[in-house]
């Protein structure tokens, strides 16, 4: 089953690339990502111009800044997109460089781990049919629909700033 899923994902990614999907984006450069946790919205911007808007899901305990591993919160503050995972357990994913030095120092001062592996990602690969998880279900990540993470994956480059507001 896992081999079939991997094969299907490769075929889907190849299809997206060949029809202008993943590698074919040639619109304006995304210069910043803005996330508004309270409104559950994310924007891809090109120098202040909104290119795309997405409805998002957050961590299972979304209020407040992520303080430690396992708290279910989505971080708040300024970060960078720093990696991508085409083999994600959540369709595709784009990494956020949480924790930063401040996050690490604050967690160390409290004697806890800050956690990590925060991503913008799609829906779980194990999801049945079109059933989506509840709105805020991640361990602290930002979730979107699979077709939306395909757009984000194609449009947002590593090194792009992301600001996450409460």
C-alpha atoms as a PDB file:
ATOM      1  CA  UNK A   1       0.000   0.000   0.000  1.00  0.00           C
ATOM      2  CA  UNK A   2       2.818   2.421   0.851  1.00  0.00           C
ATOM      3  CA  UNK A   3       4.500   1.685  -2.480  1.00  0.00           C
ATOM      4  CA  UNK A   4       1.241   2.398  -4.326  1.00  0.00           C
ATOM      5  CA  UNK A   5       0.817   5.683  -2.413  1.00  0.00           C
ATOM      6  CA  UNK A   6       4.410   6.744  -3.208  1.00  0.00           C
ATOM      7  CA  UNK A   7       3.930   5.835  -6.885  1.00  0.00           C
ATOM      8  CA  UNK A   8       0.634   7.772  -7.021  1.00  0.00           C
ATOM      9  CA  UNK A   9       2.261  10.836  -5.440  1.00  0.00           C
ATOM     10  CA  UNK A  10       5.138  10.744  -7.932  1.00  0.00           C
ATOM     11  CA  UNK A  11       2.703  10.468 -10.839  1.00  0.00           C
ATOM     12  CA  UNK A  12       0.628  13.343  -9.431  1.00  0.00           C
ATOM     13  CA  UNK A  13       3.693  15.534  -8.909  1.00  0.00           C
ATOM     14  CA  UNK A  14       4.944  14.764 -12.428  1.00  0.00           C
ATOM     15  CA  UNK A  15       1.535  15.666 -13.798  1.00  0.00           C
ATOM     16  CA  UNK A  16       1.503  18.949 -11.900  1.00  0.00           C
ATOM     17  CA  UNK A  17       4.989  19.814 -13.093  1.00  0.00           C
ATOM     18  CA  UNK A  18       4.169  19.027 -16.713  1.00  0.00           C
ATOM     19  CA  UNK A  19       0.958  21.077 -16.721  1.00  0.00           C
ATOM     20  CA  UNK A  20       2.368  24.193 -15.072  1.00  0.00           C
ATOM     21  CA  UNK A  21       1.837  23.112 -11.468  1.00  0.00           C
ATOM     22  CA  UNK A  22       4.758  22.616  -9.099  1.00  0.00           C
ATOM     23  CA  UNK A  23       7.682  23.755 -11.214  1.00  0.00           C
ATOM     24  CA  UNK A  24       5.718  25.763 -13.754  1.00  0.00           C
ATOM     25  CA  UNK A  25       4.754  28.788 -11.653  1.00  0.00           C
ATOM     26  CA  UNK A  26       5.964  31.864 -13.456  1.00  0.00           C
ATOM     27  CA  UNK A  27       3.956  34.616 -11.812  1.00  0.00           C
ATOM     28  CA  UNK A  28       5.231  37.351  -9.508  1.00  0.00           C
ATOM     29  CA  UNK A  29       7.675  36.285  -6.813  1.00  0.00           C
ATOM     30  CA  UNK A  30       6.160  35.661  -3.386  1.00  0.00           C
ATOM     31  CA  UNK A  31       8.119  38.092  -1.194  1.00  0.00           C
ATOM     32  CA  UNK A  32       6.275  37.485   2.080  1.00  0.00           C
ATOM     33  CA  UNK A  33       3.758  35.149   3.695  1.00  0.00           C
ATOM     34  CA  UNK A  34       1.377  36.613   6.292  1.00  0.00           C
ATOM     35  CA  UNK A  35      -0.653  34.440   8.657  1.00  0.00           C
ATOM     36  CA  UNK A  36      -3.467  35.763  10.850  1.00  0.00           C
ATOM     37  CA  UNK A  37      -4.255  33.069  13.379  1.00  0.00           C
ATOM     38  CA  UNK A  38      -7.376  34.726  14.791  1.00  0.00           C
ATOM     39  CA  UNK A  39      -8.964  35.013  11.338  1.00  0.00           C
ATOM     40  CA  UNK A  40      -7.592  31.633  10.162  1.00  0.00           C
ATOM     41  CA  UNK A  41      -6.221  33.242   6.984  1.00  0.00           C
ATOM     42  CA  UNK A  42      -2.901  33.189   5.157  1.00  0.00           C
ATOM     43  CA  UNK A  43      -1.783  35.514   2.381  1.00  0.00           C
ATOM     44  CA  UNK A  44       0.979  35.168  -0.196  1.00  0.00           C
ATOM     45  CA  UNK A  45       2.246  38.638  -1.090  1.00  0.00           C
ATOM     46  CA  UNK A  46       4.403  40.232  -3.757  1.00  0.00           C
ATOM     47  CA  UNK A  47       5.671  43.527  -2.276  1.00  0.00           C
ATOM     48  CA  UNK A  48       2.370  44.248  -0.510  1.00  0.00           C
ATOM     49  CA  UNK A  49       0.111  42.958  -3.307  1.00  0.00           C
ATOM     50  CA  UNK A  50      -1.951  39.918  -2.334  1.00  0.00           C
ATOM     51  CA  UNK A  51      -1.386  37.094  -4.803  1.00  0.00           C
ATOM     52  CA  UNK A  52      -3.342  34.390  -2.977  1.00  0.00           C
ATOM     53  CA  UNK A  53      -5.488  34.078   0.142  1.00  0.00           C
ATOM     54  CA  UNK A  54      -6.121  30.791   1.958  1.00  0.00           C
ATOM     55  CA  UNK A  55      -8.335  29.648   4.802  1.00  0.00           C
ATOM     56  CA  UNK A  56      -6.161  27.695   7.246  1.00  0.00           C
ATOM     57  CA  UNK A  57      -6.254  25.334  10.196  1.00  0.00           C
ATOM     58  CA  UNK A  58      -3.858  25.614  13.130  1.00  0.00           C
ATOM     59  CA  UNK A  59      -2.581  23.608  16.064  1.00  0.00           C
ATOM     60  CA  UNK A  60      -5.146  21.912  18.297  1.00  0.00           C
ATOM     61  CA  UNK A  61      -4.623  24.610  20.991  1.00  0.00           C
ATOM     62  CA  UNK A  62      -4.169  27.662  18.758  1.00  0.00           C
ATOM     63  CA  UNK A  63      -4.274  30.546  21.271  1.00  0.00           C
ATOM     64  CA  UNK A  64      -0.903  32.034  22.126  1.00  0.00           C
ATOM     65  CA  UNK A  65       2.656  31.541  20.905  1.00  0.00           C
ATOM     66  CA  UNK A  66       4.152  28.047  20.805  1.00  0.00           C
ATOM     67  CA  UNK A  67       6.072  27.718  24.062  1.00  0.00           C
ATOM     68  CA  UNK A  68       7.085  24.070  24.162  1.00  0.00           C
ATOM     69  CA  UNK A  69       6.910  20.744  22.418  1.00  0.00           C
ATOM     70  CA  UNK A  70       3.466  19.164  22.554  1.00  0.00           C
ATOM     71  CA  UNK A  71       1.511  22.294  23.517  1.00  0.00           C
ATOM     72  CA  UNK A  72      -0.523  22.239  20.265  1.00  0.00           C
ATOM     73  CA  UNK A  73       0.114  25.912  19.581  1.00  0.00           C
ATOM     74  CA  UNK A  74       1.158  27.470  16.298  1.00  0.00           C
ATOM     75  CA  UNK A  75       4.128  29.853  16.660  1.00  0.00           C
ATOM     76  CA  UNK A  76       3.736  33.628  16.392  1.00  0.00           C
ATOM     77  CA  UNK A  77       6.377  36.018  15.118  1.00  0.00           C
ATOM     78  CA  UNK A  78       8.852  36.357  12.276  1.00  0.00           C
ATOM     79  CA  UNK A  79      10.317  33.265  10.650  1.00  0.00           C
ATOM     80  CA  UNK A  80      11.537  32.033   7.269  1.00  0.00           C
ATOM     81  CA  UNK A  81      10.422  29.300   4.919  1.00  0.00           C
ATOM     82  CA  UNK A  82      13.460  27.038   5.118  1.00  0.00           C
ATOM     83  CA  UNK A  83      12.699  23.670   3.514  1.00  0.00           C
ATOM     84  CA  UNK A  84      10.178  21.563   1.653  1.00  0.00           C
ATOM     85  CA  UNK A  85       9.123  17.958   1.900  1.00  0.00           C
ATOM     86  CA  UNK A  86       7.672  16.238  -1.170  1.00  0.00           C
ATOM     87  CA  UNK A  87       7.362  13.017   0.872  1.00  0.00           C
ATOM     88  CA  UNK A  88       5.328  14.529   3.689  1.00  0.00           C
ATOM     89  CA  UNK A  89       2.745  12.532   5.633  1.00  0.00           C
ATOM     90  CA  UNK A  90       0.474  15.490   4.784  1.00  0.00           C
ATOM     91  CA  UNK A  91       0.495  15.506   0.951  1.00  0.00           C
ATOM     92  CA  UNK A  92       3.246  18.170   0.589  1.00  0.00           C
ATOM     93  CA  UNK A  93       4.794  20.485   3.153  1.00  0.00           C
ATOM     94  CA  UNK A  94       6.826  23.677   3.358  1.00  0.00           C
ATOM     95  CA  UNK A  95       8.959  24.155   6.494  1.00  0.00           C
ATOM     96  CA  UNK A  96       9.098  27.126   8.843  1.00  0.00           C
ATOM     97  CA  UNK A  97      12.347  27.736  10.746  1.00  0.00           C
ATOM     98  CA  UNK A  98      10.763  27.461  14.195  1.00  0.00           C
ATOM     99  CA  UNK A  99      12.325  27.442  16.747  1.00  0.00           C
ATOM    100  CA  UNK A 100      14.491  30.530  16.328  1.00  0.00           C
ATOM    101  CA  UNK A 101      17.171  31.604  18.827  1.00  0.00           C
ATOM    102  CA  UNK A 102      14.637  33.481  20.978  1.00  0.00           C
ATOM    103  CA  UNK A 103      12.271  30.490  21.084  1.00  0.00           C
ATOM    104  CA  UNK A 104      15.137  28.199  22.103  1.00  0.00           C
ATOM    105  CA  UNK A 105      16.368  30.562  24.830  1.00  0.00           C
ATOM    106  CA  UNK A 106      12.874  31.001  26.297  1.00  0.00           C
ATOM    107  CA  UNK A 107      12.263  27.249  26.341  1.00  0.00           C
ATOM    108  CA  UNK A 108      15.668  26.556  27.901  1.00  0.00           C
ATOM    109  CA  UNK A 109      14.932  29.137  30.616  1.00  0.00           C
ATOM    110  CA  UNK A 110      11.777  27.156  31.471  1.00  0.00           C
ATOM    111  CA  UNK A 111      13.588  23.817  31.240  1.00  0.00           C
ATOM    112  CA  UNK A 112      11.497  22.516  28.346  1.00  0.00           C
ATOM    113  CA  UNK A 113      11.991  21.647  24.682  1.00  0.00           C
ATOM    114  CA  UNK A 114      10.662  24.280  22.247  1.00  0.00           C
ATOM    115  CA  UNK A 115       9.552  21.595  19.815  1.00  0.00           C
ATOM    116  CA  UNK A 116      10.095  21.898  16.083  1.00  0.00           C
ATOM    117  CA  UNK A 117       9.087  20.562  12.685  1.00  0.00           C
ATOM    118  CA  UNK A 118       6.547  23.317  12.059  1.00  0.00           C
ATOM    119  CA  UNK A 119       5.211  23.290   8.495  1.00  0.00           C
ATOM    120  CA  UNK A 120       2.551  24.603   6.188  1.00  0.00           C
ATOM    121  CA  UNK A 121       1.060  21.374   4.892  1.00  0.00           C
ATOM    122  CA  UNK A 122      -1.858  19.631   3.248  1.00  0.00           C
ATOM    123  CA  UNK A 123      -4.186  16.991   4.591  1.00  0.00           C
ATOM    124  CA  UNK A 124      -3.060  13.659   6.051  1.00  0.00           C
ATOM    125  CA  UNK A 125      -2.239  11.036   3.438  1.00  0.00           C
ATOM    126  CA  UNK A 126      -4.173   8.531   5.536  1.00  0.00           C
ATOM    127  CA  UNK A 127      -7.412  10.588   5.326  1.00  0.00           C
ATOM    128  CA  UNK A 128     -10.341   8.663   3.878  1.00  0.00           C
ATOM    129  CA  UNK A 129     -12.031  10.164   0.826  1.00  0.00           C
ATOM    130  CA  UNK A 130     -12.784  13.864   1.033  1.00  0.00           C
ATOM    131  CA  UNK A 131     -13.215  13.908   4.792  1.00  0.00           C
ATOM    132  CA  UNK A 132     -11.119  16.710   6.292  1.00  0.00           C
ATOM    133  CA  UNK A 133      -9.936  16.933   9.895  1.00  0.00           C
ATOM    134  CA  UNK A 134     -11.593  19.514  12.129  1.00  0.00           C
ATOM    135  CA  UNK A 135     -10.427  23.120  11.687  1.00  0.00           C
ATOM    136  CA  UNK A 136      -7.588  23.154  14.249  1.00  0.00           C
ATOM    137  CA  UNK A 137      -6.080  19.702  14.378  1.00  0.00           C
ATOM    138  CA  UNK A 138      -2.315  19.897  13.816  1.00  0.00           C
ATOM    139  CA  UNK A 139       0.454  19.658  16.424  1.00  0.00           C
ATOM    140  CA  UNK A 140       1.268  23.343  15.743  1.00  0.00           C
ATOM    141  CA  UNK A 141       1.488  23.506  11.966  1.00  0.00           C
ATOM    142  CA  UNK A 142      -0.608  25.469   9.470  1.00  0.00           C
ATOM    143  CA  UNK A 143      -2.874  23.269   7.349  1.00  0.00           C
ATOM    144  CA  UNK A 144      -4.526  23.911   3.994  1.00  0.00           C
ATOM    145  CA  UNK A 145      -6.285  21.750   1.424  1.00  0.00           C
ATOM    146  CA  UNK A 146      -4.115  19.554  -0.796  1.00  0.00           C
ATOM    147  CA  UNK A 147      -4.686  21.580  -3.957  1.00  0.00           C
ATOM    148  CA  UNK A 148      -3.708  24.705  -2.007  1.00  0.00           C
ATOM    149  CA  UNK A 149      -0.430  23.261  -0.665  1.00  0.00           C
ATOM    150  CA  UNK A 150       0.405  22.348  -4.270  1.00  0.00           C
ATOM    151  CA  UNK A 151       0.103  26.057  -5.163  1.00  0.00           C
ATOM    152  CA  UNK A 152       2.045  27.176  -2.088  1.00  0.00           C
ATOM    153  CA  UNK A 153       4.766  24.580  -2.701  1.00  0.00           C
ATOM    154  CA  UNK A 154       5.194  25.907  -6.257  1.00  0.00           C
ATOM    155  CA  UNK A 155       5.012  29.610  -5.418  1.00  0.00           C
ATOM    156  CA  UNK A 156       6.945  30.055  -2.159  1.00  0.00           C
ATOM    157  CA  UNK A 157      10.722  29.730  -2.255  1.00  0.00           C
ATOM    158  CA  UNK A 158      13.020  28.792   0.599  1.00  0.00           C
ATOM    159  CA  UNK A 159      14.175  31.983   2.322  1.00  0.00           C
ATOM    160  CA  UNK A 160      10.787  33.709   2.014  1.00  0.00           C
ATOM    161  CA  UNK A 161       9.852  35.580   5.215  1.00  0.00           C
ATOM    162  CA  UNK A 162       6.699  34.473   7.026  1.00  0.00           C
ATOM    163  CA  UNK A 163       5.075  36.578   9.737  1.00  0.00           C
ATOM    164  CA  UNK A 164       2.553  34.832  11.970  1.00  0.00           C
ATOM    165  CA  UNK A 165       0.204  37.145  13.867  1.00  0.00           C
ATOM    166  CA  UNK A 166      -1.965  36.156  16.874  1.00  0.00           C
END
